[in-house]
Amino acid sequence: MNKVILSILLVLTCFAHRAEAQDQLTKPKALLTLSFIRYLGWSESARQGDFVIGVIRDRDLANMLTNQSAGKKFGFQDVVVKNFKSVAEVEDCQVIYVSHNVNFGKNAPALLDKVGKDTLIITEEEGAVKNGSMINFVIRESKLRFELSKQNAAVSNIQFSQKLTDMTAAINL
């Protein structure tokens, strides 16, 4: 009985530690996400209407993005943040952020069908660029890093600037 209780407490402690680590990374992820949009070449159709950043299953990140972008514009576009509970809810976004709470590998085909062209996909799951992610947050040597996939971005008519490419090596959070 004591072993079962100890095992449960150990599992809960691991989940709590992981959640706390994710919470500490919310602000840097939000700030980087907002910075990324300045270093991308967008198609003409992506520059119409509001500039919409969608977040799937991460209310804290959506709130942080909302707070950081309040009253700001991207070019002539108002920045709007939408919080989605599932891939099925996603609609009309220039950026879609797929949180660690979503199994991107499993949901990638449905999401890619839903967003089509002109949408930047940002994830935070190991190996996500193999499934269509364009920017993927990872932890390396206890530091937040990001991976880029120029090939996946090109399929969606998005181009990375050299400055963004150079940032992947220089970032040190």
Protein backbone atom coordinates (compact mmCIF):
# COMPACT_ATOMS: atom_id res chain seq x y z
CA MET A 1 0.00 0.00 0.00
CA ASN A 2 2.79 2.45 0.92
CA LYS A 3 4.61 1.61 -2.32
CA VAL A 4 1.47 2.47 -4.33
CA ILE A 5 1.07 5.80 -2.54
CA LEU A 6 4.76 6.58 -2.99
CA SER A 7 4.53 5.75 -6.71
CA ILE A 8 1.48 7.99 -7.14
CA LEU A 9 3.22 10.85 -5.33
CA LEU A 10 6.31 10.42 -7.50
CA VAL A 11 4.24 10.54 -10.71
CA LEU A 12 2.33 13.61 -9.50
CA THR A 13 5.58 15.34 -8.57
CA CYS A 14 6.99 14.68 -12.06
CA PHE A 15 3.84 16.09 -13.69
CA ALA A 16 3.90 19.14 -11.40
CA HIS A 17 7.58 19.77 -12.19
CA ARG A 18 6.93 19.49 -15.94
CA ALA A 19 3.95 21.87 -15.71
CA GLU A 20 6.01 24.36 -13.69
CA ALA A 21 8.82 24.24 -16.27
CA GLN A 22 6.30 24.83 -19.07
CA ASP A 23 4.84 27.82 -17.16
CA GLN A 24 8.30 29.39 -16.88
CA LEU A 25 8.73 29.11 -20.65
CA THR A 26 5.39 30.69 -21.55
CA LYS A 27 6.66 34.27 -21.67
CA PRO A 28 9.80 33.55 -23.75
CA LYS A 29 7.74 31.44 -26.17
CA ALA A 30 5.18 34.23 -26.54
CA LEU A 31 7.84 36.88 -27.11
CA LEU A 32 9.69 34.74 -29.64
CA THR A 33 6.47 33.89 -31.46
CA LEU A 34 5.69 37.60 -31.84
CA SER A 35 9.28 38.25 -32.96
CA PHE A 36 9.19 35.49 -35.58
CA ILE A 37 6.49 37.20 -37.63
CA ARG A 38 8.84 40.12 -38.35
CA TYR A 39 11.45 37.83 -39.87
CA LEU A 40 9.23 36.01 -42.33
CA GLY A 41 8.30 36.68 -45.93
CA TRP A 42 4.50 36.50 -46.15
CA SER A 43 2.37 36.05 -49.25
CA GLU A 44 0.05 38.83 -50.34
CA SER A 45 -3.04 36.92 -49.15
CA ALA A 46 -1.54 36.60 -45.64
CA ARG A 47 -1.31 40.40 -45.49
CA GLN A 48 -5.07 40.90 -45.79
CA GLY A 49 -7.49 41.44 -42.88
CA ASP A 50 -6.38 40.95 -39.30
CA PHE A 51 -3.13 39.15 -38.52
CA VAL A 52 -4.44 36.16 -36.58
CA ILE A 53 -2.34 34.03 -34.23
CA GLY A 54 -4.18 30.89 -33.15
CA VAL A 55 -3.14 28.83 -30.15
CA ILE A 56 -4.35 25.26 -29.65
CA ARG A 57 -4.87 24.12 -26.03
CA ASP A 58 -2.70 26.59 -24.13
CA ARG A 59 -4.76 29.34 -22.54
CA ASP A 60 -1.75 30.78 -20.67
CA LEU A 61 0.22 31.23 -23.88
CA ALA A 62 -2.82 32.71 -25.66
CA ASN A 63 -3.30 35.17 -22.79
CA MET A 64 0.39 36.11 -22.82
CA LEU A 65 0.30 36.65 -26.60
CA THR A 66 -2.85 38.77 -26.19
CA ASN A 67 -1.22 40.91 -23.50
CA GLN A 68 2.04 41.30 -25.43
CA SER A 69 0.29 42.22 -28.70
CA ALA A 70 -2.48 44.45 -27.31
CA GLY A 71 -2.90 47.50 -29.52
CA LYS A 72 -0.07 46.45 -31.82
CA LYS A 73 -0.13 46.01 -35.55
CA PHE A 74 1.79 43.91 -38.00
CA GLY A 75 2.19 46.29 -40.89
CA PHE A 76 -1.33 47.61 -41.35
CA GLN A 77 -2.97 44.56 -39.78
CA ASP A 78 -4.31 44.39 -36.25
CA VAL A 79 -2.85 41.45 -34.31
CA VAL A 80 -5.61 39.16 -33.01
CA VAL A 81 -5.04 36.09 -30.83
CA LYS A 82 -7.53 33.20 -30.85
CA ASN A 83 -7.54 30.33 -28.39
CA PHE A 84 -8.73 26.98 -29.79
CA LYS A 85 -9.60 23.92 -27.74
CA SER A 86 -8.91 21.48 -30.56
CA VAL A 87 -7.58 21.16 -34.08
CA ALA A 88 -11.18 20.87 -35.31
CA GLU A 89 -11.89 24.46 -34.15
CA VAL A 90 -8.96 26.03 -36.04
CA GLU A 91 -9.86 28.58 -38.70
CA ASP A 92 -8.21 31.40 -40.68
CA CYS A 93 -4.85 32.03 -39.00
CA GLN A 94 -1.57 33.34 -40.30
CA VAL A 95 0.15 31.63 -37.36
CA ILE A 96 -1.05 28.53 -35.53
CA TYR A 97 0.75 27.54 -32.33
CA VAL A 98 0.27 23.88 -31.41
CA SER A 99 1.04 23.47 -27.71
CA HIS A 100 2.62 20.49 -25.99
CA ASN A 101 -0.93 19.58 -24.87
CA VAL A 102 -1.69 18.40 -28.41
CA ASN A 103 -0.11 15.37 -30.04
CA PHE A 104 1.08 17.15 -33.18
CA GLY A 105 2.31 13.97 -34.87
CA LYS A 106 -1.14 12.44 -34.61
CA ASN A 107 -3.01 15.65 -35.53
CA ALA A 108 -0.65 17.04 -38.20
CA PRO A 109 -2.52 15.71 -41.27
CA ALA A 110 -5.85 17.16 -40.10
CA LEU A 111 -4.26 20.47 -39.14
CA LEU A 112 -2.34 20.78 -42.41
CA ASP A 113 -5.58 20.14 -44.33
CA LYS A 114 -7.39 22.73 -42.23
CA VAL A 115 -4.90 25.61 -42.48
CA GLY A 116 -3.76 25.14 -46.06
CA LYS A 117 -1.29 27.65 -47.47
CA ASP A 118 -0.02 30.90 -45.92
CA THR A 119 -0.08 29.65 -42.31
CA LEU A 120 3.01 29.35 -40.14
CA ILE A 121 2.87 26.31 -37.85
CA ILE A 122 4.76 26.56 -34.56
CA THR A 123 5.00 23.51 -32.31
CA GLU A 124 6.73 22.28 -29.19
CA GLU A 125 7.09 18.56 -29.74
CA GLU A 126 10.23 16.56 -30.42
CA GLY A 127 10.35 15.58 -34.10
CA ALA A 128 7.52 17.91 -35.14
CA VAL A 129 9.36 19.28 -38.18
CA LYS A 130 9.15 15.79 -39.68
CA ASN A 131 5.36 16.14 -39.56
CA GLY A 132 5.05 19.61 -41.12
CA SER A 133 5.98 22.06 -38.36
CA MET A 134 7.90 25.10 -39.56
CA ILE A 135 9.21 26.33 -36.21
CA ASN A 136 9.54 23.91 -33.32
CA PHE A 137 10.49 24.81 -29.75
CA VAL A 138 12.74 22.26 -28.07
CA ILE A 139 14.77 22.04 -24.89
CA ARG A 140 18.46 21.38 -25.48
CA GLU A 141 21.01 21.35 -22.69
CA SER A 142 18.34 22.76 -20.35
CA LYS A 143 17.79 25.74 -22.67
CA LEU A 144 14.89 26.77 -24.85
CA ARG A 145 15.83 26.52 -28.52
CA PHE A 146 13.94 26.37 -31.77
CA GLU A 147 14.29 24.41 -34.97
CA LEU A 148 13.35 25.72 -38.39
CA SER A 149 12.16 23.86 -41.47
CA LYS A 150 12.60 26.02 -44.56
CA GLN A 151 11.15 23.22 -46.68
CA ASN A 152 7.90 23.06 -44.70
CA ALA A 153 7.64 26.85 -44.72
CA ALA A 154 8.20 27.02 -48.49
CA VAL A 155 5.27 24.65 -49.05
CA SER A 156 3.09 27.24 -47.28
CA ASN A 157 4.50 30.23 -49.21
CA ILE A 158 6.46 31.46 -46.18
CA GLN A 159 10.12 32.44 -46.34
CA PHE A 160 12.52 32.68 -43.41
CA SER A 161 14.87 35.66 -43.43
CA GLN A 162 18.57 35.03 -42.97
CA LYS A 163 18.35 36.89 -39.66
CA LEU A 164 15.84 34.33 -38.32
CA THR A 165 17.97 31.47 -39.56
CA ASP A 166 20.99 32.98 -37.80
CA MET A 167 18.97 33.28 -34.56
CA THR A 168 18.61 29.49 -34.27
CA ALA A 169 22.31 29.25 -33.51
CA ALA A 170 22.51 32.37 -31.35
CA ILE A 171 19.48 32.05 -29.08
CA ASN A 172 20.42 31.38 -25.50
CA LEU A 173 17.53 31.55 -23.04
